[in-house]
Amino acid sequence: MSRASHPETAAAPSAARQRREGGFTLLEVMLAAMMLTVGALIAFPTLVSLMRLSRLSNEVNIAMFDLEEAIEDMHSVPFQNLAEEYWPGEDELTEASPTRVVVLPEFADRHLQEQQVQLTFTRVNDLLVTVEAICTWRSISNGPVTRSLETSRGSS
């Protein structure tokens, strides 16, 4: 009787065919694991960098909000009362002494680590002052950071 006509051998696939259809070889599994590892090693520093940038972006948003608040507070004070409000006991801004730097204690460590907000008033003329609001802080991931906003303030 021939092999093809025997019912047991005709229905059973060969051993080589069973091995090919039975799953992945060890080499294929190791190659896939290595490719996944390389992909993870490439992606991990990118994710860490994105997290650091996201944290810094959040800190900058907070700092800018505080700077805007400091400027709005300054704009709420009448022009003729700026010296009395921000540098009491000192002279007005003059040509001889055109600049005052004022640290605002209410913003010290308010939202950010080692946060400080200061206003720099610079006399342009008797009716106009420029004001630079500066926020400095220590970022958890990037060290010292500074952001600023400028505005002008005139007599009405």
C-alpha atoms as a PDB file:
ATOM      1  CA  MET A   1       0.000   0.000   0.000  1.00  0.00           C
ATOM      2  CA  SER A   2       1.329   3.401  -0.888  1.00  0.00           C
ATOM      3  CA  ARG A   3       1.877   6.105   1.639  1.00  0.00           C
ATOM      4  CA  ALA A   4      -0.695   8.468   0.103  1.00  0.00           C
ATOM      5  CA  SER A   5      -3.381   5.865   0.298  1.00  0.00           C
ATOM      6  CA  HIS A   6      -2.792   5.083   3.965  1.00  0.00           C
ATOM      7  CA  PRO A   7      -5.380   7.113   5.979  1.00  0.00           C
ATOM      8  CA  GLU A   8      -3.162   7.817   9.033  1.00  0.00           C
ATOM      9  CA  THR A   9      -0.195   9.241   7.123  1.00  0.00           C
ATOM     10  CA  ALA A  10      -2.224  11.189   4.585  1.00  0.00           C
ATOM     11  CA  ALA A  11      -4.092  13.168   7.256  1.00  0.00           C
ATOM     12  CA  ALA A  12      -1.084  13.926   9.489  1.00  0.00           C
ATOM     13  CA  PRO A  13       1.079  16.922   8.439  1.00  0.00           C
ATOM     14  CA  SER A  14       4.793  16.467   8.312  1.00  0.00           C
ATOM     15  CA  ALA A  15       6.952  17.353  11.347  1.00  0.00           C
ATOM     16  CA  ALA A  16       8.630  20.228   9.482  1.00  0.00           C
ATOM     17  CA  ARG A  17       5.263  21.721   8.548  1.00  0.00           C
ATOM     18  CA  GLN A  18       4.011  21.421  12.157  1.00  0.00           C
ATOM     19  CA  ARG A  19       7.099  23.269  13.437  1.00  0.00           C
ATOM     20  CA  ARG A  20       6.579  26.163  10.986  1.00  0.00           C
ATOM     21  CA  GLU A  21       2.927  26.596  11.897  1.00  0.00           C
ATOM     22  CA  GLY A  22       3.376  26.084  15.633  1.00  0.00           C
ATOM     23  CA  GLY A  23       4.568  29.641  16.577  1.00  0.00           C
ATOM     24  CA  PHE A  24       7.663  31.818  16.670  1.00  0.00           C
ATOM     25  CA  THR A  25      11.194  30.555  16.868  1.00  0.00           C
ATOM     26  CA  LEU A  26      13.457  31.627  19.706  1.00  0.00           C
ATOM     27  CA  LEU A  27      15.453  33.772  17.276  1.00  0.00           C
ATOM     28  CA  GLU A  28      12.310  35.648  16.178  1.00  0.00           C
ATOM     29  CA  VAL A  29      11.254  36.269  19.786  1.00  0.00           C
ATOM     30  CA  MET A  30      14.728  37.551  20.729  1.00  0.00           C
ATOM     31  CA  LEU A  31      14.847  39.823  17.676  1.00  0.00           C
ATOM     32  CA  ALA A  32      11.400  41.270  18.502  1.00  0.00           C
ATOM     33  CA  ALA A  33      12.426  41.824  22.150  1.00  0.00           C
ATOM     34  CA  MET A  34      15.611  43.589  21.042  1.00  0.00           C
ATOM     35  CA  MET A  35      13.649  45.867  18.682  1.00  0.00           C
ATOM     36  CA  LEU A  36      11.185  46.744  21.457  1.00  0.00           C
ATOM     37  CA  THR A  37      14.055  47.485  23.843  1.00  0.00           C
ATOM     38  CA  VAL A  38      15.773  49.769  21.327  1.00  0.00           C
ATOM     39  CA  GLY A  39      12.464  51.559  20.689  1.00  0.00           C
ATOM     40  CA  ALA A  40      11.899  52.057  24.418  1.00  0.00           C
ATOM     41  CA  LEU A  41      15.460  53.346  24.891  1.00  0.00           C
ATOM     42  CA  ILE A  42      14.878  55.884  22.129  1.00  0.00           C
ATOM     43  CA  ALA A  43      11.436  56.934  23.412  1.00  0.00           C
ATOM     44  CA  PHE A  44      12.309  57.252  27.120  1.00  0.00           C
ATOM     45  CA  PRO A  45      14.622  60.307  26.884  1.00  0.00           C
ATOM     46  CA  THR A  46      12.068  61.985  24.626  1.00  0.00           C
ATOM     47  CA  LEU A  47       9.328  61.441  27.205  1.00  0.00           C
ATOM     48  CA  VAL A  48      11.547  62.766  29.990  1.00  0.00           C
ATOM     49  CA  SER A  49      12.351  65.847  27.908  1.00  0.00           C
ATOM     50  CA  LEU A  50       8.663  66.415  27.161  1.00  0.00           C
ATOM     51  CA  MET A  51       7.810  66.168  30.860  1.00  0.00           C
ATOM     52  CA  ARG A  52      10.551  68.701  31.702  1.00  0.00           C
ATOM     53  CA  LEU A  53       9.317  71.115  29.024  1.00  0.00           C
ATOM     54  CA  SER A  54       5.733  70.700  30.190  1.00  0.00           C
ATOM     55  CA  ARG A  55       6.737  71.512  33.772  1.00  0.00           C
ATOM     56  CA  LEU A  56       8.711  74.579  32.649  1.00  0.00           C
ATOM     57  CA  SER A  57       5.817  75.749  30.488  1.00  0.00           C
ATOM     58  CA  ASN A  58       3.499  75.480  33.483  1.00  0.00           C
ATOM     59  CA  GLU A  59       5.952  77.450  35.647  1.00  0.00           C
ATOM     60  CA  VAL A  60       6.257  80.169  32.978  1.00  0.00           C
ATOM     61  CA  ASN A  61       2.462  80.464  32.793  1.00  0.00           C
ATOM     62  CA  ILE A  62       2.307  80.899  36.578  1.00  0.00           C
ATOM     63  CA  ALA A  63       5.097  83.509  36.497  1.00  0.00           C
ATOM     64  CA  MET A  64       3.422  85.467  33.709  1.00  0.00           C
ATOM     65  CA  PHE A  65       0.135  85.435  35.616  1.00  0.00           C
ATOM     66  CA  ASP A  66       1.913  86.841  38.692  1.00  0.00           C
ATOM     67  CA  LEU A  67       3.644  89.517  36.570  1.00  0.00           C
ATOM     68  CA  GLU A  68       0.337  90.567  35.060  1.00  0.00           C
ATOM     69  CA  GLU A  69      -1.170  90.776  38.543  1.00  0.00           C
ATOM     70  CA  ALA A  70       1.729  92.935  39.776  1.00  0.00           C
ATOM     71  CA  ILE A  71       1.328  95.277  36.794  1.00  0.00           C
ATOM     72  CA  GLU A  72      -2.445  95.498  37.277  1.00  0.00           C
ATOM     73  CA  ASP A  73      -1.907  96.333  40.957  1.00  0.00           C
ATOM     74  CA  MET A  74       0.575  99.057  39.975  1.00  0.00           C
ATOM     75  CA  HIS A  75      -1.858 100.497  37.405  1.00  0.00           C
ATOM     76  CA  SER A  76      -4.555 100.709  40.079  1.00  0.00           C
ATOM     77  CA  VAL A  77      -2.444 103.209  42.071  1.00  0.00           C
ATOM     78  CA  PRO A  78      -2.832 106.844  40.942  1.00  0.00           C
ATOM     79  CA  PHE A  79       0.264 108.103  39.112  1.00  0.00           C
ATOM     80  CA  GLN A  80       1.013 110.819  41.690  1.00  0.00           C
ATOM     81  CA  ASN A  81       0.990 108.164  44.473  1.00  0.00           C
ATOM     82  CA  LEU A  82       3.452 105.687  42.925  1.00  0.00           C
ATOM     83  CA  ALA A  83       6.407 106.858  45.024  1.00  0.00           C
ATOM     84  CA  GLU A  84       4.382 106.813  48.227  1.00  0.00           C
ATOM     85  CA  GLU A  85       3.035 103.316  47.461  1.00  0.00           C
ATOM     86  CA  TYR A  86       6.160 101.629  46.089  1.00  0.00           C
ATOM     87  CA  TRP A  87       9.178 103.379  47.614  1.00  0.00           C
ATOM     88  CA  PRO A  88       7.929 105.293  50.657  1.00  0.00           C
ATOM     89  CA  GLY A  89      10.368 107.642  52.327  1.00  0.00           C
ATOM     90  CA  GLU A  90      12.468 108.062  49.187  1.00  0.00           C
ATOM     91  CA  ASP A  91      12.475 110.876  46.674  1.00  0.00           C
ATOM     92  CA  GLU A  92      10.463 110.966  43.472  1.00  0.00           C
ATOM     93  CA  LEU A  93      12.117 109.822  40.259  1.00  0.00           C
ATOM     94  CA  THR A  94      14.283 112.630  38.912  1.00  0.00           C
ATOM     95  CA  GLU A  95      16.794 113.110  36.138  1.00  0.00           C
ATOM     96  CA  ALA A  96      19.563 112.611  38.695  1.00  0.00           C
ATOM     97  CA  SER A  97      17.929 109.472  40.093  1.00  0.00           C
ATOM     98  CA  PRO A  98      15.708 108.113  37.300  1.00  0.00           C
ATOM     99  CA  THR A  99      15.305 104.481  38.414  1.00  0.00           C
ATOM    100  CA  ARG A 100      13.857 102.591  41.374  1.00  0.00           C
ATOM    101  CA  VAL A 101      13.850  98.816  41.811  1.00  0.00           C
ATOM    102  CA  VAL A 102      11.163  97.559  44.170  1.00  0.00           C
ATOM    103  CA  VAL A 103      10.900  93.942  45.317  1.00  0.00           C
ATOM    104  CA  LEU A 104       7.289  92.979  46.004  1.00  0.00           C
ATOM    105  CA  PRO A 105       7.214  90.911  49.208  1.00  0.00           C
ATOM    106  CA  GLU A 106       3.671  89.630  48.585  1.00  0.00           C
ATOM    107  CA  PHE A 107       5.009  87.545  45.678  1.00  0.00           C
ATOM    108  CA  ALA A 108       7.938  85.956  47.566  1.00  0.00           C
ATOM    109  CA  ASP A 109       7.696  82.161  47.129  1.00  0.00           C
ATOM    110  CA  ARG A 110       4.040  82.650  46.268  1.00  0.00           C
ATOM    111  CA  HIS A 111       3.640  79.934  43.644  1.00  0.00           C
ATOM    112  CA  LEU A 112       7.135  78.963  42.542  1.00  0.00           C
ATOM    113  CA  GLN A 113      10.281  77.836  44.316  1.00  0.00           C
ATOM    114  CA  GLU A 114      12.438  80.812  45.398  1.00  0.00           C
ATOM    115  CA  GLN A 115      10.089  83.156  43.510  1.00  0.00           C
ATOM    116  CA  GLN A 116      10.741  86.894  43.536  1.00  0.00           C
ATOM    117  CA  VAL A 117       8.850  89.617  41.675  1.00  0.00           C
ATOM    118  CA  GLN A 118      10.283  93.090  41.302  1.00  0.00           C
ATOM    119  CA  LEU A 119       9.221  96.240  39.534  1.00  0.00           C
ATOM    120  CA  THR A 120      11.781  98.563  37.950  1.00  0.00           C
ATOM    121  CA  PHE A 121      10.450 102.100  37.523  1.00  0.00           C
ATOM    122  CA  THR A 122      12.357 104.294  35.065  1.00  0.00           C
ATOM    123  CA  ARG A 123      11.542 107.972  34.601  1.00  0.00           C
ATOM    124  CA  VAL A 124      11.106 109.019  30.979  1.00  0.00           C
ATOM    125  CA  ASN A 125       9.920 112.555  31.803  1.00  0.00           C
ATOM    126  CA  ASP A 126       7.757 114.268  34.429  1.00  0.00           C
ATOM    127  CA  LEU A 127       4.612 112.685  33.010  1.00  0.00           C
ATOM    128  CA  LEU A 128       5.797 109.220  31.932  1.00  0.00           C
ATOM    129  CA  VAL A 129       7.389 106.240  33.664  1.00  0.00           C
ATOM    130  CA  THR A 130       8.256 102.870  32.145  1.00  0.00           C
ATOM    131  CA  VAL A 131       7.836  99.846  34.378  1.00  0.00           C
ATOM    132  CA  GLU A 132       9.472  96.459  33.934  1.00  0.00           C
ATOM    133  CA  ALA A 133       8.071  93.626  36.019  1.00  0.00           C
ATOM    134  CA  ILE A 134      10.570  90.791  36.486  1.00  0.00           C
ATOM    135  CA  CYS A 135       9.871  87.369  37.975  1.00  0.00           C
ATOM    136  CA  THR A 136      12.742  85.073  38.918  1.00  0.00           C
ATOM    137  CA  TRP A 137      12.466  81.579  40.376  1.00  0.00           C
ATOM    138  CA  ARG A 138      14.287  78.284  40.620  1.00  0.00           C
ATOM    139  CA  SER A 139      12.785  75.731  38.285  1.00  0.00           C
ATOM    140  CA  ILE A 140      12.841  72.158  39.542  1.00  0.00           C
ATOM    141  CA  SER A 141      14.202  70.897  36.241  1.00  0.00           C
ATOM    142  CA  ASN A 142      15.970  73.887  34.646  1.00  0.00           C
ATOM    143  CA  GLY A 143      17.579  75.911  37.436  1.00  0.00           C
ATOM    144  CA  PRO A 144      17.188  79.721  37.659  1.00  0.00           C
ATOM    145  CA  VAL A 145      14.596  81.213  35.289  1.00  0.00           C
ATOM    146  CA  THR A 146      13.621  84.842  34.623  1.00  0.00           C
ATOM    147  CA  ARG A 147      10.651  86.273  32.736  1.00  0.00           C
ATOM    148  CA  SER A 148       9.609  89.905  32.379  1.00  0.00           C
ATOM    149  CA  LEU A 149       6.867  92.199  31.126  1.00  0.00           C
ATOM    150  CA  GLU A 150       7.092  95.911  30.364  1.00  0.00           C
ATOM    151  CA  THR A 151       4.513  98.637  30.467  1.00  0.00           C
ATOM    152  CA  SER A 152       4.418 102.396  30.713  1.00  0.00           C
ATOM    153  CA  ARG A 153       2.594 104.584  33.154  1.00  0.00           C
ATOM    154  CA  GLY A 154       1.652 108.164  32.492  1.00  0.00           C
ATOM    155  CA  SER A 155      -0.014 110.981  34.327  1.00  0.00           C
ATOM    156  CA  SER A 156      -3.549 111.608  33.182  1.00  0.00           C
END
